[in-house]
Amino acid sequence: MSPTALPAAGPEHGHVTFLGAGPGDPGLLTLRAVEALSNADVLVAEHEVLDVIRTHARQGVSVVQTDADPSSVSPPGTGTPQLTVVDGTSTPAAVPGAAPDAAHLVMEAARGGRRVVRAVSGDPGLDTCAAEEMLACAAAGVPFEVVPGVAAAVGVPAYAGVPLRDADGADVRFVDARAASERCWTEVGTSDGTVVVSTTLDSVAAAAAELVSAGRKPDTPLSVTIAGTTTRQRTWTATLGTIAQTLKQAKVLPSPDGGRPVIAVVGERSAAARRDQLSWFESKPLFGWKVLVPRTKEQAASLSDQLRSYGAVPHEVPTIAVEPPRTPQQMERAVKGLVTGRYEWIAFTSVNAVKAVREKFEEYGLDARAFAGIKVAAVGEQTAKALVAFGVKPDLVPSGEQSAAGLLEDWPPYDPVFDPIDRVFLPRADIATETLVAGLIDLGWEVDDVTAYRTVRASPPPAETREAIKGGGFDAVLFTSSSTVRNLVGIAGKPHNVTVIACIGPATAKTAEEHGLRVDVMAPEPSVHKLAEALADFGMKRRAAALEAGDPVTRPSERRPGARRRRTTT
């Protein structure tokens, strides 16, 4: 048992976990943090921290925001506290009787034996004043624990490609510019070690001037990183003497974002020449690209994860909605036939087909045991994963192309000696093609081709998303079928000319071109993961070309409207 295993919450005072959520990347949460979040009854955090931890909270957990207005830049702990429930439907409501002070919020939330997670950005002991809230809990007899997090002063430089130490073991000093005294500046100014300064964008030049006045040379290298560890991260390299001019030339300042926090690293280890080689995060092939994925969150989950690994920001927009068949009797008869031994095989050609059969099973009080004695086929890996989640391990998944044609390549012909039953149950969409049915019949099988669900065009996305699609707000769009092309254009309009168009295959590309779109990327084989790989390869080549030409690396959405593009097929 872990020495940090969750203790039992007290029946009266509950229990509080002070948790460091890291500087912004949800992937930096520790295993201990994820465990605490999954057991929490109440989350207390600022809005931006909630965005980091919410995924790991259990369904129905209560949420107390210490900042009432997410768009507000007021200091944490001000305004009216808000209580919401993570179920996708609840609306914020004021917490009755709670004071806006964060410590009181925490203790109020812990009453009645509840487990509370008080999540803060970075690390509770280095990035915030959580000690005051801990002391309040101790005084009130509320038991608590601390789960450290990755501090911004350590995590952000790592993501910016700026090591704080080297083989010589340089001295490292951490300074919060907002609270630094004259003595503090003097001490770090006379040191030749690395200085990590927590400040704001519009105060960087002032902090640099303080260091120069205290004795640091004006030509000392300096890096400044904003939104560190997120896909909005941006880093500038300069010197103490040139940083003000660098930010001005980059048109970063003056700006409404001047009050945003940044991490500045001062010392030889932040030199531009070193960072060019060590900047692993910002040099990802699709870093910062906003990619439109015209699929539902359920369908796009693994694809979106893959895009994030390339540095992209996926935005899922459903183009189709799934509805039950208009006449359910055919599906009901087929499911009953499945139980009574009518079929030798059942073939699933989509995740939606698995979902439709599973829902019908649950309606009849059946479970995965009803598949006993029946061979199960899945058209591809995602469909197979959906079956495994249902408790069914498929007997057949294509070894090559993940499509109906690929499934037919591996499907055995009917053999009256070895196959006691010659019938296949095929639950599909109402608009499915006949390729699989015809192929199975050619192999000697009888096929019950059953409409398990209907696909209809989804409702239009929000106006903001539609404007981004038509106005060039997206850097790329991934089209995974001809229907996604037709439906996206139908519900949201045609993507802007600067948007990179990526298609899963020739048929989808042809449909895109028929709608007036220029296809930039095509997958080498019909797989959503190969499509994402092809887009990443396109982004990498685009980045390399810009660097070779001495041009700044920009995203497609940052190009001038109307700029001509070269067609590239991968």
Protein backbone atom coordinates (compact mmCIF):
# COMPACT_ATOMS: atom_id res chain seq x y z
CA MET A 1 0.00 0.00 0.00
CA SER A 2 1.32 3.44 -0.91
CA PRO A 3 2.33 5.62 2.06
CA THR A 4 0.28 8.36 0.43
CA ALA A 5 -2.85 6.25 0.02
CA LEU A 6 -6.07 8.18 0.54
CA PRO A 7 -6.99 8.36 4.22
CA ALA A 8 -10.57 8.00 5.34
CA ALA A 9 -12.46 11.29 5.44
CA GLY A 10 -13.70 12.38 8.85
CA PRO A 11 -17.47 12.16 9.35
CA GLU A 12 -17.68 15.82 10.34
CA HIS A 13 -14.71 17.68 8.90
CA GLY A 14 -14.10 15.68 5.74
CA HIS A 15 -10.67 15.78 4.14
CA VAL A 16 -8.83 18.25 1.89
CA THR A 17 -6.15 17.51 -0.69
CA PHE A 18 -4.08 20.52 -1.78
CA LEU A 19 -3.10 19.52 -5.29
CA GLY A 20 -0.63 21.03 -7.75
CA ALA A 21 -2.10 20.95 -11.27
CA GLY A 22 1.13 21.98 -12.99
CA PRO A 23 1.69 24.90 -15.36
CA GLY A 24 -1.01 24.02 -17.92
CA ASP A 25 -0.37 20.73 -19.71
CA PRO A 26 -2.82 18.12 -18.29
CA GLY A 27 -0.23 15.46 -19.09
CA LEU A 28 1.96 16.81 -16.26
CA LEU A 29 -0.49 15.75 -13.55
CA THR A 30 1.08 13.13 -11.29
CA LEU A 31 -0.39 9.67 -10.75
CA ARG A 32 -1.16 10.68 -7.18
CA ALA A 33 -3.04 13.74 -8.43
CA VAL A 34 -5.17 11.65 -10.80
CA GLU A 35 -5.99 9.24 -7.96
CA ALA A 36 -7.07 12.10 -5.68
CA LEU A 37 -9.21 13.67 -8.40
CA SER A 38 -11.00 10.39 -9.12
CA ASN A 39 -12.04 10.13 -5.46
CA ALA A 40 -13.01 13.76 -4.88
CA ASP A 41 -16.54 14.83 -3.94
CA VAL A 42 -15.79 18.53 -4.48
CA LEU A 43 -13.23 20.39 -6.60
CA VAL A 44 -12.18 23.91 -5.60
CA ALA A 45 -10.12 25.76 -8.20
CA GLU A 46 -9.81 28.71 -10.55
CA HIS A 47 -11.44 28.37 -13.96
CA GLU A 48 -8.23 27.74 -15.90
CA VAL A 49 -7.11 25.07 -13.42
CA LEU A 50 -10.49 23.33 -13.72
CA ASP A 51 -9.85 22.98 -17.45
CA VAL A 52 -6.69 20.99 -16.61
CA ILE A 53 -8.13 18.65 -13.96
CA ARG A 54 -11.77 18.22 -15.00
CA THR A 55 -11.11 15.19 -17.23
CA HIS A 56 -9.96 13.10 -14.28
CA ALA A 57 -12.86 13.97 -11.98
CA ARG A 58 -15.62 11.46 -11.52
CA GLN A 59 -19.10 12.05 -12.94
CA GLY A 60 -21.26 14.19 -10.67
CA VAL A 61 -18.43 15.82 -8.70
CA SER A 62 -19.29 19.30 -7.41
CA VAL A 63 -17.10 22.19 -8.54
CA VAL A 64 -16.48 25.43 -6.66
CA GLN A 65 -14.83 28.15 -8.74
CA THR A 66 -12.85 30.66 -6.72
CA ASP A 67 -13.15 33.13 -9.60
CA ALA A 68 -16.80 33.78 -10.48
CA ASP A 69 -16.23 35.08 -14.00
CA PRO A 70 -13.94 32.87 -16.12
CA SER A 71 -13.06 35.85 -18.31
CA SER A 72 -12.23 37.98 -15.30
CA VAL A 73 -8.63 38.86 -14.54
CA SER A 74 -9.36 39.55 -10.88
CA PRO A 75 -7.05 37.93 -8.34
CA PRO A 76 -8.10 34.42 -7.23
CA GLY A 77 -10.47 34.37 -4.32
CA THR A 78 -12.46 37.45 -5.32
CA GLY A 79 -16.04 37.64 -6.55
CA THR A 80 -18.96 35.34 -5.76
CA PRO A 81 -18.01 31.66 -5.56
CA GLN A 82 -19.80 29.45 -8.03
CA LEU A 83 -20.95 25.84 -7.70
CA THR A 84 -21.49 23.61 -10.71
CA VAL A 85 -21.82 19.87 -11.25
CA VAL A 86 -19.79 18.09 -13.92
CA ASP A 87 -22.62 16.45 -15.82
CA GLY A 88 -22.80 18.67 -18.88
CA THR A 89 -26.21 20.09 -18.01
CA SER A 90 -25.95 22.02 -14.75
CA THR A 91 -25.69 25.79 -14.64
CA PRO A 92 -23.65 27.75 -12.08
CA ALA A 93 -25.34 28.62 -8.81
CA ALA A 94 -24.07 30.60 -5.85
CA VAL A 95 -22.76 28.61 -2.92
CA PRO A 96 -25.12 29.39 -0.04
CA GLY A 97 -23.52 30.81 3.07
CA ALA A 98 -19.95 30.57 1.78
CA ALA A 99 -17.50 33.43 2.06
CA PRO A 100 -15.54 34.42 -1.07
CA ASP A 101 -12.27 33.75 0.81
CA ALA A 102 -10.70 30.58 -0.65
CA ALA A 103 -9.88 29.11 2.78
CA HIS A 104 -13.51 29.41 3.87
CA LEU A 105 -14.63 27.88 0.57
CA VAL A 106 -12.41 24.87 1.16
CA MET A 107 -13.62 24.28 4.72
CA GLU A 108 -17.25 24.84 3.77
CA ALA A 109 -16.89 22.28 0.97
CA ALA A 110 -15.34 19.73 3.37
CA ARG A 111 -18.27 19.74 5.78
CA GLY A 112 -20.31 16.57 6.10
CA GLY A 113 -17.37 14.25 5.54
CA ARG A 114 -16.74 15.18 1.91
CA ARG A 115 -13.41 14.74 0.14
CA VAL A 116 -12.25 18.06 -1.26
CA VAL A 117 -9.50 18.68 -3.80
CA ARG A 118 -8.19 22.23 -3.69
CA ALA A 119 -6.30 22.44 -7.00
CA VAL A 120 -3.87 25.25 -7.78
CA SER A 121 -1.73 26.10 -10.77
CA GLY A 122 1.84 24.83 -10.61
CA ASP A 123 2.91 23.59 -7.18
CA PRO A 124 1.05 24.39 -3.91
CA GLY A 125 4.24 25.27 -2.07
CA LEU A 126 6.05 27.31 -4.74
CA ASP A 127 3.51 28.90 -7.07
CA THR A 128 0.70 29.87 -4.69
CA CYS A 129 0.02 30.95 -1.12
CA ALA A 130 -1.72 27.66 -0.29
CA ALA A 131 0.02 27.58 3.10
CA GLU A 132 -2.50 30.12 4.42
CA GLU A 133 -5.38 27.82 3.46
CA MET A 134 -3.58 24.86 5.02
CA LEU A 135 -3.14 26.77 8.28
CA ALA A 136 -6.85 27.62 8.26
CA CYS A 137 -7.70 23.91 7.84
CA ALA A 138 -5.31 22.99 10.68
CA ALA A 139 -6.88 25.61 12.97
CA ALA A 140 -10.38 24.29 12.19
CA GLY A 141 -9.39 20.66 12.69
CA VAL A 142 -9.86 19.74 9.02
CA PRO A 143 -7.34 17.02 8.03
CA PHE A 144 -5.43 17.67 4.83
CA GLU A 145 -2.61 16.41 2.63
CA VAL A 146 -0.43 17.95 -0.10
CA VAL A 147 0.12 16.53 -3.59
CA PRO A 148 3.05 18.41 -5.21
CA GLY A 149 2.82 19.52 -8.81
CA VAL A 150 5.27 20.59 -11.51
CA ALA A 151 6.18 24.19 -10.69
CA ALA A 152 5.88 26.72 -13.52
CA ALA A 153 9.44 27.93 -12.92
CA VAL A 154 10.71 24.41 -13.64
CA GLY A 155 8.19 23.02 -16.16
CA VAL A 156 7.97 26.03 -18.48
CA PRO A 157 11.72 26.32 -19.18
CA ALA A 158 11.82 22.56 -19.88
CA TYR A 159 9.07 22.96 -22.51
CA ALA A 160 10.82 26.03 -23.94
CA GLY A 161 14.06 24.10 -24.48
CA VAL A 162 15.96 26.07 -21.83
CA PRO A 163 17.85 23.85 -19.38
CA LEU A 164 18.44 25.50 -16.02
CA ARG A 165 21.67 23.64 -15.28
CA ASP A 166 24.42 21.94 -17.23
CA ALA A 167 27.39 19.65 -16.53
CA ASP A 168 29.13 22.47 -14.65
CA GLY A 169 26.26 22.56 -12.13
CA ALA A 170 25.41 26.25 -12.31
CA ASP A 171 23.67 27.99 -9.42
CA VAL A 172 19.94 28.54 -10.01
CA ARG A 173 17.93 31.33 -8.35
CA PHE A 174 14.14 31.77 -8.47
CA VAL A 175 12.67 35.26 -8.27
CA ASP A 176 9.06 36.43 -8.15
CA ALA A 177 9.35 39.92 -9.66
CA ARG A 178 6.07 41.03 -8.10
CA ALA A 179 7.44 40.63 -4.57
CA ALA A 180 11.21 40.95 -5.10
CA SER A 181 12.98 43.44 -2.84
CA GLU A 182 15.95 45.63 -3.78
CA ARG A 183 18.16 43.27 -1.79
CA CYS A 184 16.88 40.32 -3.81
CA TRP A 185 17.71 42.03 -7.13
CA THR A 186 21.16 42.92 -5.81
CA GLU A 187 21.90 39.33 -4.82
CA VAL A 188 20.87 37.80 -8.15
CA GLY A 189 22.47 40.67 -10.07
CA THR A 190 25.89 39.99 -8.59
CA SER A 191 25.56 36.24 -9.20
CA ASP A 192 26.61 34.60 -12.46
CA GLY A 193 24.15 31.75 -12.04
CA THR A 194 20.84 31.13 -13.85
CA VAL A 195 17.95 33.33 -12.74
CA VAL A 196 14.35 32.20 -13.29
CA VAL A 197 12.00 35.18 -13.03
CA SER A 198 8.24 34.83 -12.61
CA THR A 199 6.68 38.04 -13.90
CA THR A 200 4.16 39.41 -16.41
CA LEU A 201 4.69 40.17 -20.08
CA ASP A 202 4.57 43.92 -19.65
CA SER A 203 6.98 43.77 -16.69
CA VAL A 204 9.74 41.74 -18.36
CA ALA A 205 11.67 44.80 -19.50
CA ALA A 206 11.50 46.30 -16.01
CA ALA A 207 12.83 43.06 -14.47
CA ALA A 208 15.65 43.03 -17.04
CA ALA A 209 16.52 46.62 -16.16
CA GLU A 210 16.63 45.71 -12.45
CA LEU A 211 19.15 42.96 -13.18
CA VAL A 212 21.33 45.23 -15.31
CA SER A 213 21.26 47.92 -12.60
CA ALA A 214 22.28 45.26 -10.06
CA GLY A 215 25.33 44.25 -12.08
CA ARG A 216 24.30 41.79 -14.80
CA LYS A 217 25.79 42.53 -18.24
CA PRO A 218 23.29 43.87 -20.81
CA ASP A 219 24.38 41.18 -23.30
CA THR A 220 23.37 38.34 -20.93
CA PRO A 221 21.02 35.95 -22.86
CA LEU A 222 17.36 35.96 -21.88
CA SER A 223 14.35 33.84 -22.88
CA VAL A 224 10.73 34.78 -22.20
CA THR A 225 7.93 32.20 -22.42
CA ILE A 226 4.20 32.88 -22.26
CA ALA A 227 1.46 30.21 -21.87
CA GLY A 228 4.16 27.66 -21.12
CA THR A 229 3.45 23.90 -21.57
CA THR A 230 0.29 24.61 -23.59
CA THR A 231 -0.17 24.73 -27.36
CA ARG A 232 -0.43 28.52 -27.03
CA GLN A 233 3.17 28.63 -25.79
CA ARG A 234 5.44 31.20 -27.38
CA THR A 235 9.06 31.99 -26.57
CA TRP A 236 11.24 34.98 -27.43
CA THR A 237 15.03 35.04 -27.07
CA ALA A 238 17.02 38.24 -26.63
CA THR A 239 19.39 39.78 -24.09
CA LEU A 240 18.74 41.82 -20.98
CA GLY A 241 19.50 44.95 -22.98
CA THR A 242 17.41 44.12 -26.07
CA ILE A 243 14.31 42.36 -24.70
CA ALA A 244 12.16 45.51 -24.66
CA GLN A 245 12.96 46.20 -28.34
CA THR A 246 12.46 42.51 -29.26
CA LEU A 247 8.94 42.42 -27.79
CA LYS A 248 8.11 45.71 -29.48
CA GLN A 249 9.35 44.54 -32.89
CA ALA A 250 7.40 41.32 -32.51
CA LYS A 251 4.30 43.49 -31.90
CA VAL A 252 3.75 41.70 -28.62
CA LEU A 253 3.65 44.93 -26.65
CA PRO A 254 1.77 47.05 -26.03
CA SER A 255 -1.04 44.52 -25.82
CA PRO A 256 -4.17 43.72 -23.78
CA ASP A 257 -2.32 40.49 -22.86
CA GLY A 258 0.41 42.45 -21.10
CA GLY A 259 -0.77 41.28 -17.69
CA ARG A 260 -0.41 37.58 -18.53
CA PRO A 261 2.20 35.64 -16.53
CA VAL A 262 5.49 34.65 -18.14
CA ILE A 263 8.63 32.81 -17.11
CA ALA A 264 11.92 34.51 -18.00
CA VAL A 265 15.23 32.65 -17.80
CA VAL A 266 18.42 34.70 -17.56
CA GLY A 267 21.83 33.13 -18.26
CA GLU A 268 23.97 31.50 -20.91
CA ARG A 269 21.71 28.44 -20.98
CA SER A 270 18.89 30.48 -22.54
CA ALA A 271 20.99 31.55 -25.54
CA ALA A 272 19.16 31.40 -28.88
CA ALA A 273 21.72 29.03 -30.41
CA ARG A 274 21.08 26.43 -27.71
CA ARG A 275 17.32 26.85 -27.80
CA ASP A 276 17.19 26.27 -31.56
CA GLN A 277 18.50 22.76 -30.90
CA LEU A 278 16.61 22.05 -27.66
CA SER A 279 13.18 23.51 -28.44
CA TRP A 280 11.40 20.14 -28.68
CA PHE A 281 7.88 21.34 -27.86
CA GLU A 282 7.39 24.38 -30.09
CA SER A 283 9.07 22.54 -32.99
CA LYS A 284 6.43 19.79 -33.12
CA PRO A 285 5.14 19.44 -36.70
CA LEU A 286 1.67 20.85 -36.03
CA PHE A 287 2.46 23.02 -33.02
CA GLY A 288 -0.41 25.39 -32.31
CA TRP A 289 -2.38 24.32 -35.38
CA LYS A 290 -6.12 24.46 -34.84
CA VAL A 291 -7.38 21.33 -36.63
CA LEU A 292 -11.03 20.73 -37.41
CA VAL A 293 -12.07 17.11 -36.96
CA PRO A 294 -15.58 16.61 -38.42
CA ARG A 295 -16.48 13.68 -36.15
CA THR A 296 -18.15 13.30 -32.78
CA LYS A 297 -15.99 13.31 -29.63
CA GLU A 298 -16.54 9.56 -29.25
CA GLN A 299 -15.42 8.83 -32.81
CA ALA A 300 -12.54 11.32 -32.73
CA ALA A 301 -11.05 10.46 -29.32
CA SER A 302 -7.97 8.52 -30.48
CA LEU A 303 -7.53 10.74 -33.55
CA SER A 304 -7.61 13.88 -31.41
CA ASP A 305 -5.07 12.36 -29.01
CA GLN A 306 -2.79 11.64 -31.96
CA LEU A 307 -3.13 15.22 -33.23
CA ARG A 308 -2.29 16.56 -29.76
CA SER A 309 0.89 14.47 -29.78
CA TYR A 310 1.92 16.47 -32.87
CA GLY A 311 1.23 19.75 -31.02
CA ALA A 312 -2.15 20.46 -32.64
CA VAL A 313 -5.34 21.73 -31.01
CA PRO A 314 -8.15 19.45 -32.28
CA HIS A 315 -11.67 20.83 -32.48
CA GLU A 316 -14.37 18.19 -32.96
CA VAL A 317 -17.45 19.15 -34.98
CA PRO A 318 -20.01 16.37 -35.59
CA THR A 319 -21.28 16.35 -39.17
CA ILE A 320 -23.67 13.44 -38.75
CA ALA A 321 -26.07 12.39 -36.02
CA VAL A 322 -27.02 8.78 -35.34
CA GLU A 323 -30.69 7.86 -34.85
CA PRO A 324 -32.54 4.55 -34.43
CA PRO A 325 -34.00 2.90 -37.56
CA ARG A 326 -37.49 4.02 -38.55
CA THR A 327 -38.76 0.43 -38.32
CA PRO A 328 -37.01 -1.40 -35.45
CA GLN A 329 -38.71 -4.77 -36.09
CA GLN A 330 -35.96 -6.02 -38.45
CA MET A 331 -33.27 -5.28 -35.88
CA GLU A 332 -35.32 -6.92 -33.10
CA ARG A 333 -35.75 -10.12 -35.15
CA ALA A 334 -32.02 -10.25 -35.93
CA VAL A 335 -31.00 -9.88 -32.29
CA LYS A 336 -33.41 -12.64 -31.29
CA GLY A 337 -31.97 -14.79 -34.09
CA LEU A 338 -28.49 -14.11 -32.71
CA VAL A 339 -29.55 -15.61 -29.38
CA THR A 340 -31.36 -18.60 -30.89
CA GLY A 341 -28.44 -19.69 -33.10
CA ARG A 342 -29.52 -18.37 -36.51
CA TYR A 343 -26.06 -16.98 -37.39
CA GLU A 344 -22.52 -18.30 -37.80
CA TRP A 345 -21.02 -14.79 -38.00
CA ILE A 346 -21.82 -11.22 -37.01
CA ALA A 347 -19.84 -8.47 -38.75
CA PHE A 348 -19.46 -4.95 -37.33
CA THR A 349 -18.46 -2.25 -39.81
CA SER A 350 -18.43 0.72 -37.40
CA VAL A 351 -18.36 1.75 -33.76
CA ASN A 352 -21.95 2.95 -34.20
CA ALA A 353 -23.01 -0.58 -35.20
CA VAL A 354 -21.48 -1.95 -31.99
CA LYS A 355 -23.30 0.73 -30.01
CA ALA A 356 -26.63 -0.05 -31.69
CA VAL A 357 -26.41 -3.79 -30.97
CA ARG A 358 -25.23 -3.15 -27.42
CA GLU A 359 -28.18 -0.85 -26.75
CA LYS A 360 -30.59 -3.48 -28.12
CA PHE A 361 -28.94 -6.12 -25.93
CA GLU A 362 -29.39 -3.92 -22.84
CA GLU A 363 -33.02 -3.36 -23.81
CA TYR A 364 -33.55 -7.14 -23.69
CA GLY A 365 -31.44 -7.66 -20.56
CA LEU A 366 -28.66 -9.40 -22.52
CA ASP A 367 -24.91 -9.00 -22.26
CA ALA A 368 -21.76 -10.16 -24.09
CA ARG A 369 -22.46 -13.79 -23.16
CA ALA A 370 -25.09 -13.84 -25.92
CA PHE A 371 -22.21 -13.94 -28.44
CA ALA A 372 -21.14 -17.40 -27.21
CA GLY A 373 -20.64 -19.75 -30.16
CA ILE A 374 -20.82 -16.95 -32.75
CA LYS A 375 -17.81 -15.71 -34.71
CA VAL A 376 -17.38 -11.92 -34.56
CA ALA A 377 -15.71 -9.73 -37.19
CA ALA A 378 -14.68 -6.07 -36.92
CA VAL A 379 -13.81 -3.83 -39.85
CA GLY A 380 -10.90 -2.13 -38.05
CA GLU A 381 -9.06 -1.35 -34.83
CA GLN A 382 -11.51 1.25 -33.49
CA THR A 383 -14.48 -1.06 -34.01
CA ALA A 384 -12.52 -3.86 -32.37
CA LYS A 385 -11.80 -1.65 -29.35
CA ALA A 386 -15.52 -0.89 -29.02
CA LEU A 387 -16.24 -4.63 -29.01
CA VAL A 388 -13.58 -5.32 -26.39
CA ALA A 389 -15.13 -2.59 -24.22
CA PHE A 390 -18.41 -4.51 -24.59
CA GLY A 391 -16.66 -7.68 -23.42
CA VAL A 392 -16.28 -9.30 -26.85
CA LYS A 393 -12.95 -10.18 -28.46
CA PRO A 394 -13.37 -10.22 -32.26
CA ASP A 395 -12.30 -13.34 -34.14
CA LEU A 396 -11.50 -11.46 -37.33
CA VAL A 397 -9.96 -8.02 -37.91
CA PRO A 398 -8.47 -7.18 -41.34
CA SER A 399 -4.72 -7.79 -41.47
CA GLY A 400 -4.36 -5.20 -44.23
CA GLU A 401 -6.65 -2.35 -45.27
CA GLN A 402 -9.21 -1.48 -42.61
CA SER A 403 -12.28 -1.35 -44.83
CA ALA A 404 -15.01 -3.61 -46.20
CA ALA A 405 -12.63 -4.67 -48.98
CA GLY A 406 -9.92 -5.46 -46.43
CA LEU A 407 -12.37 -7.49 -44.37
CA LEU A 408 -13.38 -9.50 -47.44
CA GLU A 409 -9.71 -10.25 -48.19
CA ASP A 410 -9.47 -12.20 -44.92
CA TRP A 411 -13.03 -13.56 -44.71
CA PRO A 412 -13.15 -17.37 -45.13
CA PRO A 413 -15.46 -18.85 -47.81
CA TYR A 414 -18.47 -20.83 -46.63
CA ASP A 415 -17.60 -24.50 -46.15
CA PRO A 416 -20.62 -26.80 -45.58
CA VAL A 417 -18.35 -29.31 -43.82
CA PHE A 418 -16.91 -26.97 -41.21
CA ASP A 419 -19.63 -24.29 -41.03
CA PRO A 420 -22.86 -25.64 -39.49
CA ILE A 421 -24.69 -22.41 -40.33
CA ASP A 422 -24.34 -20.39 -43.53
CA ARG A 423 -25.77 -17.06 -42.40
CA VAL A 424 -24.11 -13.72 -41.45
CA PHE A 425 -25.75 -10.93 -39.42
CA LEU A 426 -24.62 -7.54 -40.73
CA PRO A 427 -25.91 -4.58 -38.61
CA ARG A 428 -25.16 -1.38 -40.53
CA ALA A 429 -26.10 2.18 -41.30
CA ASP A 430 -28.98 2.92 -43.65
CA ILE A 431 -26.60 4.50 -46.20
CA ALA A 432 -23.97 1.73 -46.21
CA THR A 433 -22.60 0.54 -49.55
CA GLU A 434 -23.22 -2.97 -50.88
CA THR A 435 -19.54 -3.95 -51.21
CA LEU A 436 -19.46 -6.19 -48.16
CA VAL A 437 -22.83 -7.82 -48.82
CA ALA A 438 -21.94 -8.68 -52.41
CA GLY A 439 -18.53 -9.99 -51.39
CA LEU A 440 -19.94 -12.27 -48.68
CA ILE A 441 -22.52 -13.67 -51.08
CA ASP A 442 -19.73 -14.40 -53.57
CA LEU A 443 -17.98 -16.34 -50.80
CA GLY A 444 -21.09 -18.51 -50.41
CA TRP A 445 -22.68 -16.88 -47.36
CA GLU A 446 -26.28 -15.84 -46.82
CA VAL A 447 -26.46 -12.29 -45.42
CA ASP A 448 -29.06 -10.61 -43.24
CA ASP A 449 -28.26 -6.97 -44.08
CA VAL A 450 -30.02 -5.12 -41.24
CA THR A 451 -30.40 -1.36 -40.73
CA ALA A 452 -29.16 -0.93 -37.15
CA TYR A 453 -29.09 2.88 -37.19
CA ARG A 454 -29.72 5.85 -39.43
CA THR A 455 -27.25 8.63 -40.14
CA VAL A 456 -28.65 12.12 -40.56
CA ARG A 457 -26.97 15.46 -41.02
CA ALA A 458 -26.01 17.00 -37.68
CA SER A 459 -27.19 20.40 -36.50
CA PRO A 460 -24.98 23.37 -37.49
CA PRO A 461 -22.12 24.13 -35.07
CA PRO A 462 -22.13 27.40 -33.07
CA ALA A 463 -21.87 30.66 -35.03
CA GLU A 464 -18.32 31.21 -33.75
CA THR A 465 -17.21 27.87 -35.23
CA ARG A 466 -18.95 28.55 -38.54
CA GLU A 467 -17.22 31.91 -38.83
CA ALA A 468 -13.86 30.32 -38.03
CA ILE A 469 -14.39 27.71 -40.76
CA LYS A 470 -15.34 30.25 -43.43
CA GLY A 471 -12.97 32.98 -42.25
CA GLY A 472 -9.74 30.99 -42.08
CA GLY A 473 -9.68 30.49 -38.31
CA PHE A 474 -8.71 26.82 -38.69
CA ASP A 475 -5.29 25.74 -39.89
CA ALA A 476 -6.43 22.38 -41.26
CA VAL A 477 -9.51 20.19 -41.78
CA LEU A 478 -9.41 16.40 -41.76
CA PHE A 479 -12.01 14.78 -44.03
CA THR A 480 -12.48 11.07 -43.27
CA SER A 481 -15.17 10.34 -45.85
CA SER A 482 -17.09 11.94 -48.72
CA SER A 483 -20.08 12.38 -46.44
CA THR A 484 -18.03 14.46 -43.98
CA VAL A 485 -17.17 16.81 -46.85
CA ARG A 486 -20.76 17.19 -48.00
CA ASN A 487 -22.17 17.50 -44.49
CA LEU A 488 -19.58 19.99 -43.20
CA VAL A 489 -20.07 22.28 -46.19
CA GLY A 490 -23.83 21.87 -45.78
CA ILE A 491 -24.00 22.77 -42.08
CA ALA A 492 -21.10 25.20 -41.73
CA GLY A 493 -19.95 26.43 -45.15
CA LYS A 494 -16.80 25.90 -47.22
CA PRO A 495 -13.44 26.12 -45.43
CA HIS A 496 -11.35 29.22 -46.27
CA ASN A 497 -8.68 29.08 -48.96
CA VAL A 498 -5.80 29.28 -46.44
CA THR A 499 -7.01 26.18 -44.55
CA VAL A 500 -5.06 23.00 -45.32
CA ILE A 501 -7.41 20.30 -46.62
CA ALA A 502 -6.47 16.71 -45.75
CA CYS A 503 -8.44 13.74 -47.14
CA ILE A 504 -8.41 10.06 -46.23
CA GLY A 505 -8.44 8.78 -49.82
CA PRO A 506 -9.06 9.48 -53.53
CA ALA A 507 -12.87 9.28 -53.31
CA THR A 508 -12.97 11.78 -50.45
CA ALA A 509 -10.49 14.02 -52.26
CA LYS A 510 -12.65 13.96 -55.39
CA THR A 511 -15.71 15.03 -53.36
CA ALA A 512 -13.70 17.85 -51.77
CA GLU A 513 -12.57 19.10 -55.19
CA GLU A 514 -16.16 18.94 -56.46
CA HIS A 515 -17.03 21.33 -53.62
CA GLY A 516 -14.33 23.76 -54.73
CA LEU A 517 -11.69 22.75 -52.18
CA ARG A 518 -8.01 22.33 -52.98
CA VAL A 519 -6.66 19.10 -51.48
CA ASP A 520 -3.23 19.57 -49.89
CA VAL A 521 -2.74 16.24 -48.13
CA MET A 522 -3.94 12.71 -48.85
CA ALA A 523 -3.35 9.68 -46.65
CA PRO A 524 -1.18 6.93 -48.18
CA GLU A 525 -3.80 4.40 -47.08
CA PRO A 526 -7.43 4.76 -45.91
CA SER A 527 -6.82 5.07 -42.16
CA VAL A 528 -7.60 8.05 -39.91
CA HIS A 529 -4.28 7.56 -38.14
CA LYS A 530 -2.37 7.52 -41.43
CA LEU A 531 -4.26 10.67 -42.35
CA ALA A 532 -3.06 12.39 -39.16
CA GLU A 533 0.48 11.18 -39.87
CA ALA A 534 0.30 12.61 -43.39
CA LEU A 535 -0.84 15.99 -42.05
CA ALA A 536 2.02 15.97 -39.52
CA ASP A 537 4.48 15.20 -42.33
CA PHE A 538 3.04 18.09 -44.32
CA GLY A 539 3.46 20.41 -41.33
CA MET A 540 7.04 19.26 -40.76
CA LYS A 541 8.01 19.91 -44.39
CA ARG A 542 6.31 23.29 -44.28
CA ARG A 543 8.23 24.22 -41.13
CA ALA A 544 11.55 23.02 -42.61
CA ALA A 545 10.95 25.06 -45.79
CA ALA A 546 10.30 28.23 -43.77
CA LEU A 547 13.46 27.76 -41.68
CA GLU A 548 15.56 27.04 -44.77
CA ALA A 549 14.28 30.22 -46.41
CA GLY A 550 14.98 32.23 -43.26
CA ASP A 551 11.28 32.99 -42.81
CA PRO A 552 9.41 32.89 -39.50
CA VAL A 553 7.47 29.67 -38.88
CA THR A 554 3.77 30.51 -39.09
CA ARG A 555 0.54 28.56 -39.06
CA PRO A 556 -1.63 28.46 -42.22
CA SER A 557 -4.28 30.63 -40.51
CA GLU A 558 -1.63 33.36 -40.03
CA ARG A 559 -1.07 33.71 -43.77
CA ARG A 560 -2.50 36.59 -45.73
CA PRO A 561 -5.99 35.90 -47.14
CA GLY A 562 -5.77 35.02 -50.80
CA ALA A 563 -2.15 33.85 -50.60
CA ARG A 564 -1.50 31.11 -53.15
CA ARG A 565 -0.71 27.61 -51.93
CA ARG A 566 1.13 24.77 -53.53
CA ARG A 567 -0.64 21.44 -53.72
CA THR A 568 1.18 18.67 -51.87
CA THR A 569 0.04 15.06 -51.82
CA THR A 570 1.59 12.86 -49.19
